């Protein structure tokens, strides 16, 4: 009986630590959500397009590329 409880606990812990991949799923909407940044107005890319500007980092390798009209207006000196 004790081994059954331990086995059940291990199965539950294994299921709790499983994180499904969000970027490799078949749903296009979920992929777009995970590849977006800056309030869903930008796109995470290796290199920005000519009409876009780099604003923040998405992760260590990708840039958040945003159309300049969606960027906040900078004030001050």
PDB file of N, CA and C in Angstrom:
ATOM      1  N   UNK A   1       0.819  -1.195   0.000  1.00  0.00           N
ATOM      2  CA  UNK A   1       0.000   0.000   0.000  1.00  0.00           C
ATOM      3  C   UNK A   1       0.869   1.268   0.000  1.00  0.00           C
ATOM      4  N   UNK A   2       1.992   1.220   0.709  1.00  0.00           N
ATOM      5  CA  UNK A   2       2.869   2.395   0.777  1.00  0.00           C
ATOM      6  C   UNK A   2       3.532   2.660  -0.568  1.00  0.00           C
ATOM      7  N   UNK A   3       3.869   1.604  -1.294  1.00  0.00           N
ATOM      8  CA  UNK A   3       4.506   1.805  -2.599  1.00  0.00           C
ATOM      9  C   UNK A   3       3.525   2.411  -3.597  1.00  0.00           C
ATOM     10  N   UNK A   4       2.248   2.084  -3.459  1.00  0.00           N
ATOM     11  CA  UNK A   4       1.243   2.667  -4.330  1.00  0.00           C
ATOM     12  C   UNK A   4       1.124   4.165  -4.076  1.00  0.00           C
ATOM     13  N   UNK A   5       1.182   4.581  -2.837  1.00  0.00           N
ATOM     14  CA  UNK A   5       1.105   5.999  -2.495  1.00  0.00           C
ATOM     15  C   UNK A   5       2.328   6.756  -2.997  1.00  0.00           C
ATOM     16  N   UNK A   6       3.492   6.141  -2.867  1.00  0.00           N
ATOM     17  CA  UNK A   6       4.717   6.774  -3.355  1.00  0.00           C
ATOM     18  C   UNK A   6       4.681   6.892  -4.868  1.00  0.00           C
ATOM     19  N   UNK A   7       4.227   5.863  -5.541  1.00  0.00           N
ATOM     20  CA  UNK A   7       4.127   5.885  -6.995  1.00  0.00           C
ATOM     21  C   UNK A   7       3.130   6.947  -7.456  1.00  0.00           C
ATOM     22  N   UNK A   8       2.010   7.048  -6.781  1.00  0.00           N
ATOM     23  CA  UNK A   8       1.023   8.071  -7.105  1.00  0.00           C
ATOM     24  C   UNK A   8       1.590   9.473  -6.888  1.00  0.00           C
ATOM     25  N   UNK A   9       2.326   9.645  -5.810  1.00  0.00           N
ATOM     26  CA  UNK A   9       2.946  10.943  -5.539  1.00  0.00           C
ATOM     27  C   UNK A   9       3.965  11.297  -6.620  1.00  0.00           C
ATOM     28  N   UNK A  10       4.744  10.336  -7.063  1.00  0.00           N
ATOM     29  CA  UNK A  10       5.720  10.591  -8.127  1.00  0.00           C
ATOM     30  C   UNK A  10       5.032  10.950  -9.446  1.00  0.00           C
ATOM     31  N   UNK A  11       3.951  10.285  -9.754  1.00  0.00           N
ATOM     32  CA  UNK A  11       3.213  10.591 -10.986  1.00  0.00           C
ATOM     33  C   UNK A  11       2.623  11.996 -10.915  1.00  0.00           C
ATOM     34  N   UNK A  12       2.067  12.361  -9.784  1.00  0.00           N
ATOM     35  CA  UNK A  12       1.487  13.703  -9.620  1.00  0.00           C
ATOM     36  C   UNK A  12       2.575  14.762  -9.722  1.00  0.00           C
ATOM     37  N   UNK A  13       3.704  14.552  -9.096  1.00  0.00           N
ATOM     38  CA  UNK A  13       4.803  15.514  -9.182  1.00  0.00           C
ATOM     39  C   UNK A  13       5.328  15.628 -10.604  1.00  0.00           C
ATOM     40  N   UNK A  14       5.388  14.512 -11.298  1.00  0.00           N
ATOM     41  CA  UNK A  14       5.839  14.538 -12.694  1.00  0.00           C
ATOM     42  C   UNK A  14       4.882  15.360 -13.549  1.00  0.00           C
ATOM     43  N   UNK A  15       3.607  15.209 -13.351  1.00  0.00           N
ATOM     44  CA  UNK A  15       2.623  15.988 -14.103  1.00  0.00           C
ATOM     45  C   UNK A  15       2.667  17.474 -13.735  1.00  0.00           C
ATOM     46  N   UNK A  16       2.950  17.784 -12.492  1.00  0.00           N
ATOM     47  CA  UNK A  16       3.022  19.183 -12.071  1.00  0.00           C
ATOM     48  C   UNK A  16       4.220  19.902 -12.667  1.00  0.00           C
ATOM     49  N   UNK A  17       5.319  19.182 -12.871  1.00  0.00           N
ATOM     50  CA  UNK A  17       6.519  19.813 -13.403  1.00  0.00           C
ATOM     51  C   UNK A  17       6.558  19.850 -14.921  1.00  0.00           C
ATOM     52  N   UNK A  18       5.593  19.212 -15.570  1.00  0.00           N
ATOM     53  CA  UNK A  18       5.546  19.227 -17.035  1.00  0.00           C
ATOM     54  C   UNK A  18       5.028  20.577 -17.514  1.00  0.00           C
ATOM     55  N   UNK A  19       5.794  21.226 -18.374  1.00  0.00           N
ATOM     56  CA  UNK A  19       5.390  22.506 -18.960  1.00  0.00           C
ATOM     57  C   UNK A  19       5.285  22.303 -20.462  1.00  0.00           C
ATOM     58  N   UNK A  20       4.099  22.439 -21.017  1.00  0.00           N
ATOM     59  CA  UNK A  20       3.972  22.223 -22.459  1.00  0.00           C
ATOM     60  C   UNK A  20       4.648  23.344 -23.240  1.00  0.00           C
ATOM     61  N   UNK A  21       5.259  23.029 -24.366  1.00  0.00           N
ATOM     62  CA  UNK A  21       5.920  24.060 -25.164  1.00  0.00           C
ATOM     63  C   UNK A  21       4.891  24.995 -25.795  1.00  0.00           C
ATOM     64  N   UNK A  22       5.049  26.291 -25.589  1.00  0.00           N
ATOM     65  CA  UNK A  22       4.109  27.258 -26.138  1.00  0.00           C
ATOM     66  C   UNK A  22       4.452  27.687 -27.542  1.00  0.00           C
ATOM     67  N   UNK A  23       5.709  27.645 -27.912  1.00  0.00           N
ATOM     68  CA  UNK A  23       6.119  28.138 -29.225  1.00  0.00           C
ATOM     69  C   UNK A  23       6.017  27.089 -30.315  1.00  0.00           C
ATOM     70  N   UNK A  24       5.870  25.829 -29.966  1.00  0.00           N
ATOM     71  CA  UNK A  24       5.859  24.798 -30.991  1.00  0.00           C
ATOM     72  C   UNK A  24       4.479  24.179 -31.178  1.00  0.00           C
ATOM     73  N   UNK A  25       3.457  24.792 -30.611  1.00  0.00           N
ATOM     74  CA  UNK A  25       2.109  24.252 -30.738  1.00  0.00           C
ATOM     75  C   UNK A  25       1.499  24.530 -32.094  1.00  0.00           C
ATOM     76  N   UNK A  26       0.450  23.808 -32.436  1.00  0.00           N
ATOM     77  CA  UNK A  26      -0.178  23.979 -33.735  1.00  0.00           C
ATOM     78  C   UNK A  26      -1.047  25.227 -33.827  1.00  0.00           C
ATOM     79  N   UNK A  27      -1.434  25.818 -32.708  1.00  0.00           N
ATOM     80  CA  UNK A  27      -2.329  26.960 -32.717  1.00  0.00           C
ATOM     81  C   UNK A  27      -1.568  28.240 -33.078  1.00  0.00           C
ATOM     82  N   UNK A  28      -1.954  28.868 -34.163  1.00  0.00           N
ATOM     83  CA  UNK A  28      -1.269  30.065 -34.651  1.00  0.00           C
ATOM     84  C   UNK A  28      -1.449  31.230 -33.684  1.00  0.00           C
ATOM     85  N   UNK A  29      -2.599  31.325 -33.038  1.00  0.00           N
ATOM     86  CA  UNK A  29      -2.863  32.428 -32.118  1.00  0.00           C
ATOM     87  C   UNK A  29      -1.976  32.350 -30.883  1.00  0.00           C
ATOM     88  N   UNK A  30      -1.752  31.136 -30.387  1.00  0.00           N
ATOM     89  CA  UNK A  30      -0.867  30.966 -29.231  1.00  0.00           C
ATOM     90  C   UNK A  30       0.569  31.283 -29.629  1.00  0.00           C
ATOM     91  N   UNK A  31       0.992  30.863 -30.825  1.00  0.00           N
ATOM     92  CA  UNK A  31       2.342  31.173 -31.296  1.00  0.00           C
ATOM     93  C   UNK A  31       2.527  32.676 -31.424  1.00  0.00           C
ATOM     94  N   UNK A  32       1.527  33.384 -31.940  1.00  0.00           N
ATOM     95  CA  UNK A  32       1.635  34.843 -32.103  1.00  0.00           C
ATOM     96  C   UNK A  32       1.712  35.522 -30.736  1.00  0.00           C
ATOM     97  N   UNK A  33       0.961  35.027 -29.764  1.00  0.00           N
ATOM     98  CA  UNK A  33       0.984  35.616 -28.426  1.00  0.00           C
ATOM     99  C   UNK A  33       2.358  35.468 -27.788  1.00  0.00           C
ATOM    100  N   UNK A  34       2.998  34.300 -27.937  1.00  0.00           N
ATOM    101  CA  UNK A  34       4.310  34.090 -27.346  1.00  0.00           C
ATOM    102  C   UNK A  34       5.415  34.800 -28.112  1.00  0.00           C
ATOM    103  N   UNK A  35       5.184  35.152 -29.384  1.00  0.00           N
ATOM    104  CA  UNK A  35       6.193  35.843 -30.179  1.00  0.00           C
ATOM    105  C   UNK A  35       5.982  37.349 -30.169  1.00  0.00           C
ATOM    106  N   UNK A  36       5.023  37.833 -29.386  1.00  0.00           N
ATOM    107  CA  UNK A  36       4.756  39.267 -29.362  1.00  0.00           C
ATOM    108  C   UNK A  36       5.347  39.894 -28.105  1.00  0.00           C
ATOM    109  N   UNK A  37       5.488  41.213 -28.164  1.00  0.00           N
ATOM    110  CA  UNK A  37       6.039  41.962 -27.033  1.00  0.00           C
ATOM    111  C   UNK A  37       5.458  43.371 -27.055  1.00  0.00           C
ATOM    112  N   UNK A  38       5.846  44.186 -26.137  1.00  0.00           N
ATOM    113  CA  UNK A  38       5.419  45.572 -25.982  1.00  0.00           C
ATOM    114  C   UNK A  38       3.916  45.717 -26.165  1.00  0.00           C
ATOM    115  N   UNK A  39       3.181  45.169 -25.207  1.00  0.00           N
ATOM    116  CA  UNK A  39       1.723  45.254 -25.176  1.00  0.00           C
ATOM    117  C   UNK A  39       1.083  44.672 -26.430  1.00  0.00           C
ATOM    118  N   UNK A  40       1.667  43.604 -26.928  1.00  0.00           N
ATOM    119  CA  UNK A  40       1.207  42.899 -28.124  1.00  0.00           C
ATOM    120  C   UNK A  40       1.306  43.737 -29.393  1.00  0.00           C
ATOM    121  N   UNK A  41       2.070  44.817 -29.368  1.00  0.00           N
ATOM    122  CA  UNK A  41       2.242  45.686 -30.547  1.00  0.00           C
ATOM    123  C   UNK A  41       3.522  45.365 -31.309  1.00  0.00           C
ATOM    124  N   UNK A  42       4.467  44.671 -30.682  1.00  0.00           N
ATOM    125  CA  UNK A  42       5.746  44.369 -31.315  1.00  0.00           C
ATOM    126  C   UNK A  42       5.911  42.888 -31.580  1.00  0.00           C
ATOM    127  N   UNK A  43       6.992  42.569 -32.271  1.00  0.00           N
ATOM    128  CA  UNK A  43       7.310  41.179 -32.587  1.00  0.00           C
ATOM    129  C   UNK A  43       8.742  40.880 -32.156  1.00  0.00           C
ATOM    130  N   UNK A  44       8.940  39.701 -31.602  1.00  0.00           N
ATOM    131  CA  UNK A  44      10.277  39.269 -31.195  1.00  0.00           C
ATOM    132  C   UNK A  44      10.990  38.700 -32.415  1.00  0.00           C
ATOM    133  N   UNK A  45      12.113  39.321 -32.786  1.00  0.00           N
ATOM    134  CA  UNK A  45      12.861  38.900 -33.958  1.00  0.00           C
ATOM    135  C   UNK A  45      14.360  38.979 -33.686  1.00  0.00           C
ATOM    136  N   UNK A  46      15.122  38.303 -34.552  1.00  0.00           N
ATOM    137  CA  UNK A  46      16.580  38.403 -34.484  1.00  0.00           C
ATOM    138  C   UNK A  46      17.038  39.769 -34.973  1.00  0.00           C
ATOM    139  N   UNK A  47      16.363  40.309 -35.985  1.00  0.00           N
ATOM    140  CA  UNK A  47      16.719  41.589 -36.579  1.00  0.00           C
ATOM    141  C   UNK A  47      15.442  42.317 -36.965  1.00  0.00           C
ATOM    142  N   UNK A  48      15.362  43.611 -36.658  1.00  0.00           N
ATOM    143  CA  UNK A  48      14.160  44.382 -36.949  1.00  0.00           C
ATOM    144  C   UNK A  48      14.060  44.710 -38.436  1.00  0.00           C
ATOM    145  N   UNK A  49      12.833  44.863 -38.918  1.00  0.00           N
ATOM    146  CA  UNK A  49      12.602  45.292 -40.290  1.00  0.00           C
ATOM    147  C   UNK A  49      12.960  46.769 -40.438  1.00  0.00           C
ATOM    148  N   UNK A  50      13.010  47.250 -41.669  1.00  0.00           N
ATOM    149  CA  UNK A  50      13.402  48.648 -41.901  1.00  0.00           C
ATOM    150  C   UNK A  50      12.410  49.633 -41.303  1.00  0.00           C
ATOM    151  N   UNK A  51      11.125  49.292 -41.294  1.00  0.00           N
ATOM    152  CA  UNK A  51      10.111  50.214 -40.777  1.00  0.00           C
ATOM    153  C   UNK A  51       9.900  50.081 -39.269  1.00  0.00           C
ATOM    154  N   UNK A  52      10.661  49.220 -38.601  1.00  0.00           N
ATOM    155  CA  UNK A  52      10.524  49.000 -37.166  1.00  0.00           C
ATOM    156  C   UNK A  52      11.749  49.498 -36.411  1.00  0.00           C
ATOM    157  N   UNK A  53      11.554  49.714 -35.118  1.00  0.00           N
ATOM    158  CA  UNK A  53      12.644  50.130 -34.229  1.00  0.00           C
ATOM    159  C   UNK A  53      12.762  49.151 -33.070  1.00  0.00           C
ATOM    160  N   UNK A  54      13.987  48.947 -32.611  1.00  0.00           N
ATOM    161  CA  UNK A  54      14.252  48.110 -31.441  1.00  0.00           C
ATOM    162  C   UNK A  54      13.833  48.888 -30.196  1.00  0.00           C
ATOM    163  N   UNK A  55      13.079  48.244 -29.317  1.00  0.00           N
ATOM    164  CA  UNK A  55      12.630  48.928 -28.099  1.00  0.00           C
ATOM    165  C   UNK A  55      13.172  48.261 -26.837  1.00  0.00           C
ATOM    166  N   UNK A  56      12.921  46.979 -26.657  1.00  0.00           N
ATOM    167  CA  UNK A  56      13.402  46.236 -25.491  1.00  0.00           C
ATOM    168  C   UNK A  56      13.862  44.856 -25.959  1.00  0.00           C
ATOM    169  N   UNK A  57      14.405  44.057 -25.069  1.00  0.00           N
ATOM    170  CA  UNK A  57      14.795  42.691 -25.380  1.00  0.00           C
ATOM    171  C   UNK A  57      13.655  41.735 -25.030  1.00  0.00           C
ATOM    172  N   UNK A  58      13.405  40.774 -25.909  1.00  0.00           N
ATOM    173  CA  UNK A  58      12.427  39.722 -25.604  1.00  0.00           C
ATOM    174  C   UNK A  58      13.062  38.655 -24.714  1.00  0.00           C
ATOM    175  N   UNK A  59      14.260  38.251 -25.066  1.00  0.00           N
ATOM    176  CA  UNK A  59      15.052  37.323 -24.264  1.00  0.00           C
ATOM    177  C   UNK A  59      16.518  37.654 -24.541  1.00  0.00           C
ATOM    178  N   UNK A  60      17.395  36.736 -24.349  1.00  0.00           N
ATOM    179  CA  UNK A  60      18.819  37.046 -24.506  1.00  0.00           C
ATOM    180  C   UNK A  60      19.261  37.178 -25.957  1.00  0.00           C
ATOM    181  N   UNK A  61      18.480  36.666 -26.893  1.00  0.00           N
ATOM    182  CA  UNK A  61      18.921  36.681 -28.290  1.00  0.00           C
ATOM    183  C   UNK A  61      18.014  37.459 -29.228  1.00  0.00           C
ATOM    184  N   UNK A  62      16.783  37.752 -28.819  1.00  0.00           N
ATOM    185  CA  UNK A  62      15.840  38.393 -29.739  1.00  0.00           C
ATOM    186  C   UNK A  62      15.471  39.801 -29.288  1.00  0.00           C
ATOM    187  N   UNK A  63      15.196  40.647 -30.267  1.00  0.00           N
ATOM    188  CA  UNK A  63      14.821  42.033 -30.029  1.00  0.00           C
ATOM    189  C   UNK A  63      13.318  42.191 -30.142  1.00  0.00           C
ATOM    190  N   UNK A  64      12.778  43.148 -29.423  1.00  0.00           N
ATOM    191  CA  UNK A  64      11.372  43.505 -29.564  1.00  0.00           C
ATOM    192  C   UNK A  64      11.300  44.620 -30.599  1.00  0.00           C
ATOM    193  N   UNK A  65      10.806  44.310 -31.780  1.00  0.00           N
ATOM    194  CA  UNK A  65      10.734  45.268 -32.877  1.00  0.00           C
ATOM    195  C   UNK A  65       9.328  45.854 -32.940  1.00  0.00           C
ATOM    196  N   UNK A  66       9.240  47.178 -32.846  1.00  0.00           N
ATOM    197  CA  UNK A  66       7.948  47.859 -32.761  1.00  0.00           C
ATOM    198  C   UNK A  66       7.891  48.953 -33.814  1.00  0.00           C
ATOM    199  N   UNK A  67       6.719  49.146 -34.383  1.00  0.00           N
ATOM    200  CA  UNK A  67       6.490  50.267 -35.280  1.00  0.00           C
ATOM    201  C   UNK A  67       6.638  51.552 -34.465  1.00  0.00           C
ATOM    202  N   UNK A  68       7.343  52.572 -34.970  1.00  0.00           N
ATOM    203  CA  UNK A  68       7.593  53.785 -34.179  1.00  0.00           C
ATOM    204  C   UNK A  68       6.327  54.505 -33.717  1.00  0.00           C
ATOM    205  N   UNK A  69       5.218  54.346 -34.424  1.00  0.00           N
ATOM    206  CA  UNK A  69       3.996  55.039 -34.003  1.00  0.00           C
ATOM    207  C   UNK A  69       3.396  54.439 -32.733  1.00  0.00           C
ATOM    208  N   UNK A  70       3.795  53.221 -32.367  1.00  0.00           N
ATOM    209  CA  UNK A  70       3.295  52.588 -31.148  1.00  0.00           C
ATOM    210  C   UNK A  70       4.211  52.808 -29.954  1.00  0.00           C
ATOM    211  N   UNK A  71       5.363  53.411 -30.167  1.00  0.00           N
ATOM    212  CA  UNK A  71       6.298  53.649 -29.070  1.00  0.00           C
ATOM    213  C   UNK A  71       5.858  54.851 -28.244  1.00  0.00           C
ATOM    214  N   UNK A  72       6.201  54.881 -26.959  1.00  0.00           N
ATOM    215  CA  UNK A  72       5.832  56.048 -26.135  1.00  0.00           C
ATOM    216  C   UNK A  72       6.656  57.269 -26.538  1.00  0.00           C
ATOM    217  N   UNK A  73       6.061  58.433 -26.312  1.00  0.00           N
ATOM    218  CA  UNK A  73       6.743  59.687 -26.614  1.00  0.00           C
ATOM    219  C   UNK A  73       7.700  59.988 -25.478  1.00  0.00           C
ATOM    220  N   UNK A  74       8.966  60.217 -25.828  1.00  0.00           N
ATOM    221  CA  UNK A  74       9.973  60.534 -24.819  1.00  0.00           C
ATOM    222  C   UNK A  74       9.959  62.030 -24.533  1.00  0.00           C
ATOM    223  N   UNK A  75       9.958  62.383 -23.266  1.00  0.00           N
ATOM    224  CA  UNK A  75       9.970  63.792 -22.860  1.00  0.00           C
ATOM    225  C   UNK A  75      11.199  64.060 -22.031  1.00  0.00           C
ATOM    226  N   UNK A  76      11.543  65.294 -21.882  1.00  0.00           N
ATOM    227  CA  UNK A  76      12.718  65.678 -21.091  1.00  0.00           C
ATOM    228  C   UNK A  76      13.894  65.998 -21.971  1.00  0.00           C
ATOM    229  N   UNK A  77      15.059  66.128 -21.328  1.00  0.00           N
ATOM    230  CA  UNK A  77      16.267  66.491 -22.070  1.00  0.00           C
ATOM    231  C   UNK A  77      16.858  65.336 -22.801  1.00  0.00           C
TER     232      UNK A  77
END
